C-alpha atoms as a PDB file:
ATOM      1  CA  MET A   1      21.547 -97.291  -3.473  1.00  0.00           C
ATOM      2  CA  GLY A   2      23.806 -95.067  -1.445  1.00  0.00           C
ATOM      3  CA  ALA A   3      26.385 -92.853  -3.059  1.00  0.00           C
ATOM      4  CA  GLY A   4      29.831 -94.436  -3.081  1.00  0.00           C
ATOM      5  CA  SER A   5      28.406 -97.972  -3.041  1.00  0.00           C
ATOM      6  CA  THR A   6      29.353-100.617  -5.570  1.00  0.00           C
ATOM      7  CA  TYR A   7      26.606-101.480  -8.043  1.00  0.00           C
ATOM      8  CA  GLY A   8      26.225-105.165  -8.839  1.00  0.00           C
ATOM      9  CA  ASP A   9      23.785-105.732 -11.667  1.00  0.00           C
ATOM     10  CA  ALA A  10      21.131-108.351 -10.930  1.00  0.00           C
ATOM     11  CA  GLY A  11      21.023-109.315 -14.612  1.00  0.00           C
ATOM     12  CA  ALA A  12      18.079-110.788 -16.452  1.00  0.00           C
ATOM     13  CA  ALA A  13      16.896-114.093 -17.889  1.00  0.00           C
ATOM     14  CA  ALA A  14      15.286-114.896 -21.238  1.00  0.00           C
ATOM     15  CA  TRP A  15      13.373-117.905 -22.527  1.00  0.00           C
ATOM     16  CA  ASP A  16      12.117-118.665 -26.045  1.00  0.00           C
ATOM     17  CA  ASN A  17       9.406-121.203 -26.871  1.00  0.00           C
ATOM     18  CA  VAL A  18      11.607-122.746 -29.617  1.00  0.00           C
ATOM     19  CA  ASP A  19      15.196-122.009 -28.585  1.00  0.00           C
ATOM     20  CA  GLY A  20      14.680-122.470 -24.858  1.00  0.00           C
ATOM     21  CA  ASP A  21      17.035-120.596 -22.560  1.00  0.00           C
ATOM     22  CA  ILE A  22      18.532-117.636 -24.465  1.00  0.00           C
ATOM     23  CA  THR A  23      19.816-115.765 -21.429  1.00  0.00           C
ATOM     24  CA  ALA A  24      23.362-115.876 -22.831  1.00  0.00           C
ATOM     25  CA  ASN A  25      22.156-113.781 -25.817  1.00  0.00           C
ATOM     26  CA  ILE A  26      21.002-110.826 -23.706  1.00  0.00           C
ATOM     27  CA  VAL A  27      22.634-107.526 -24.619  1.00  0.00           C
ATOM     28  CA  THR A  28      22.927-105.153 -21.660  1.00  0.00           C
ATOM     29  CA  GLY A  29      23.269-101.401 -22.105  1.00  0.00           C
ATOM     30  CA  GLY A  30      23.999 -98.530 -19.758  1.00  0.00           C
ATOM     31  CA  LEU A  31      26.124-100.278 -17.140  1.00  0.00           C
ATOM     32  CA  SER A  32      29.189 -98.206 -17.979  1.00  0.00           C
ATOM     33  CA  GLU A  33      27.167 -95.017 -17.452  1.00  0.00           C
ATOM     34  CA  ILE A  34      26.414 -95.715 -13.777  1.00  0.00           C
ATOM     35  CA  ASP A  35      28.492 -93.455 -11.548  1.00  0.00           C
ATOM     36  CA  THR A  36      27.865 -94.377  -7.931  1.00  0.00           C
ATOM     37  CA  ASN A  37      29.762 -91.253  -6.849  1.00  0.00           C
ATOM     38  CA  ALA A  38      27.247 -88.967  -8.579  1.00  0.00           C
ATOM     39  CA  LEU A  39      23.680 -88.674  -7.318  1.00  0.00           C
ATOM     40  CA  GLY A  40      21.086 -89.367  -9.988  1.00  0.00           C
ATOM     41  CA  SER A  41      18.989 -91.906 -11.840  1.00  0.00           C
ATOM     42  CA  TYR A  42      20.638 -94.243 -14.326  1.00  0.00           C
ATOM     43  CA  THR A  43      19.066 -96.567 -16.876  1.00  0.00           C
ATOM     44  CA  VAL A  44      20.124-100.141 -17.620  1.00  0.00           C
ATOM     45  CA  THR A  45      18.524-101.844 -20.639  1.00  0.00           C
ATOM     46  CA  TYR A  46      18.230-105.495 -21.590  1.00  0.00           C
ATOM     47  CA  GLY A  47      17.492-106.743 -25.079  1.00  0.00           C
ATOM     48  CA  VAL A  48      17.520-110.186 -26.649  1.00  0.00           C
ATOM     49  CA  SER A  49      16.633-111.949 -29.899  1.00  0.00           C
ATOM     50  CA  ASP A  50      16.073-115.618 -30.667  1.00  0.00           C
ATOM     51  CA  THR A  51      17.958-117.517 -33.396  1.00  0.00           C
ATOM     52  CA  SER A  52      15.264-116.542 -35.920  1.00  0.00           C
ATOM     53  CA  GLY A  53      15.931-112.862 -35.236  1.00  0.00           C
ATOM     54  CA  HIS A  54      12.700-112.179 -33.353  1.00  0.00           C
ATOM     55  CA  ALA A  55      13.470-109.470 -30.828  1.00  0.00           C
ATOM     56  CA  ALA A  56      11.851-109.349 -27.422  1.00  0.00           C
ATOM     57  CA  THR A  57      10.581-106.062 -26.041  1.00  0.00           C
ATOM     58  CA  GLN A  58      13.492-104.257 -24.435  1.00  0.00           C
ATOM     59  CA  VAL A  59      13.331-104.144 -20.638  1.00  0.00           C
ATOM     60  CA  THR A  60      14.583-101.247 -18.517  1.00  0.00           C
ATOM     61  CA  ARG A  61      15.856-101.120 -14.954  1.00  0.00           C
ATOM     62  CA  TRP A  62      16.402 -97.797 -13.183  1.00  0.00           C
ATOM     63  CA  VAL A  63      19.272 -97.474 -10.755  1.00  0.00           C
ATOM     64  CA  ASN A  64      18.852 -94.563  -8.351  1.00  0.00           C
ATOM     65  CA  VAL A  65      21.924 -93.282  -6.544  1.00  0.00           C
ATOM     66  CA  GLY A  66      21.033 -91.214  -3.496  1.00  0.00           C
ATOM     67  CA  ALA A  67      22.761 -89.732  -0.507  1.00  0.00           C
ATOM     68  CA  THR A  68      24.005 -92.330   1.933  1.00  0.00           C
ATOM     69  CA  PRO A  69      22.236 -91.891   5.277  1.00  0.00           C
ATOM     70  CA  CYS A  70      24.422 -91.164   8.264  1.00  0.00           C
ATOM     71  CA  PHE A  71      23.635 -93.233  11.338  1.00  0.00           C
ATOM     72  CA  TYR A  72      26.354 -91.839  13.597  1.00  0.00           C
ATOM     73  CA  PRO A  73      26.210 -87.997  13.494  1.00  0.00           C
ATOM     74  CA  PRO A  74      29.737 -87.284  14.854  1.00  0.00           C
ATOM     75  CA  ALA A  75      31.236 -89.270  11.974  1.00  0.00           C
ATOM     76  CA  CYS A  76      29.198 -87.227   9.496  1.00  0.00           C
ATOM     77  CA  GLY A  77      30.472 -83.875  10.725  1.00  0.00           C
ATOM     78  CA  TYR A  78      27.418 -83.039  12.836  1.00  0.00           C
ATOM     79  CA  ARG A  79      27.559 -81.975  16.440  1.00  0.00           C
ATOM     80  CA  ILE A  80      24.734 -82.574  18.808  1.00  0.00           C
ATOM     81  CA  ARG A  81      24.188 -80.019  21.541  1.00  0.00           C
ATOM     82  CA  ILE A  82      22.057 -80.883  24.528  1.00  0.00           C
ATOM     83  CA  ASP A  83      21.167 -78.066  26.904  1.00  0.00           C
END
């Protein structure tokens, strides 16, 4: 994603063979650490347990914040010289 953008988490879904849909029980970590004004790689984690306390394997999503490309050079502070 480009620096300065707004990050909207895509979320996750979880299903248990006994409890059914347990998506509402997912615990998300790392969202508050994402700084879209600072270039870098950020980690978002998702964890969930069923009503019996059996935990699923934690899942990780990486959010990479990179430089926003400039498609109109004069607006980016560049000058183009043609001789």
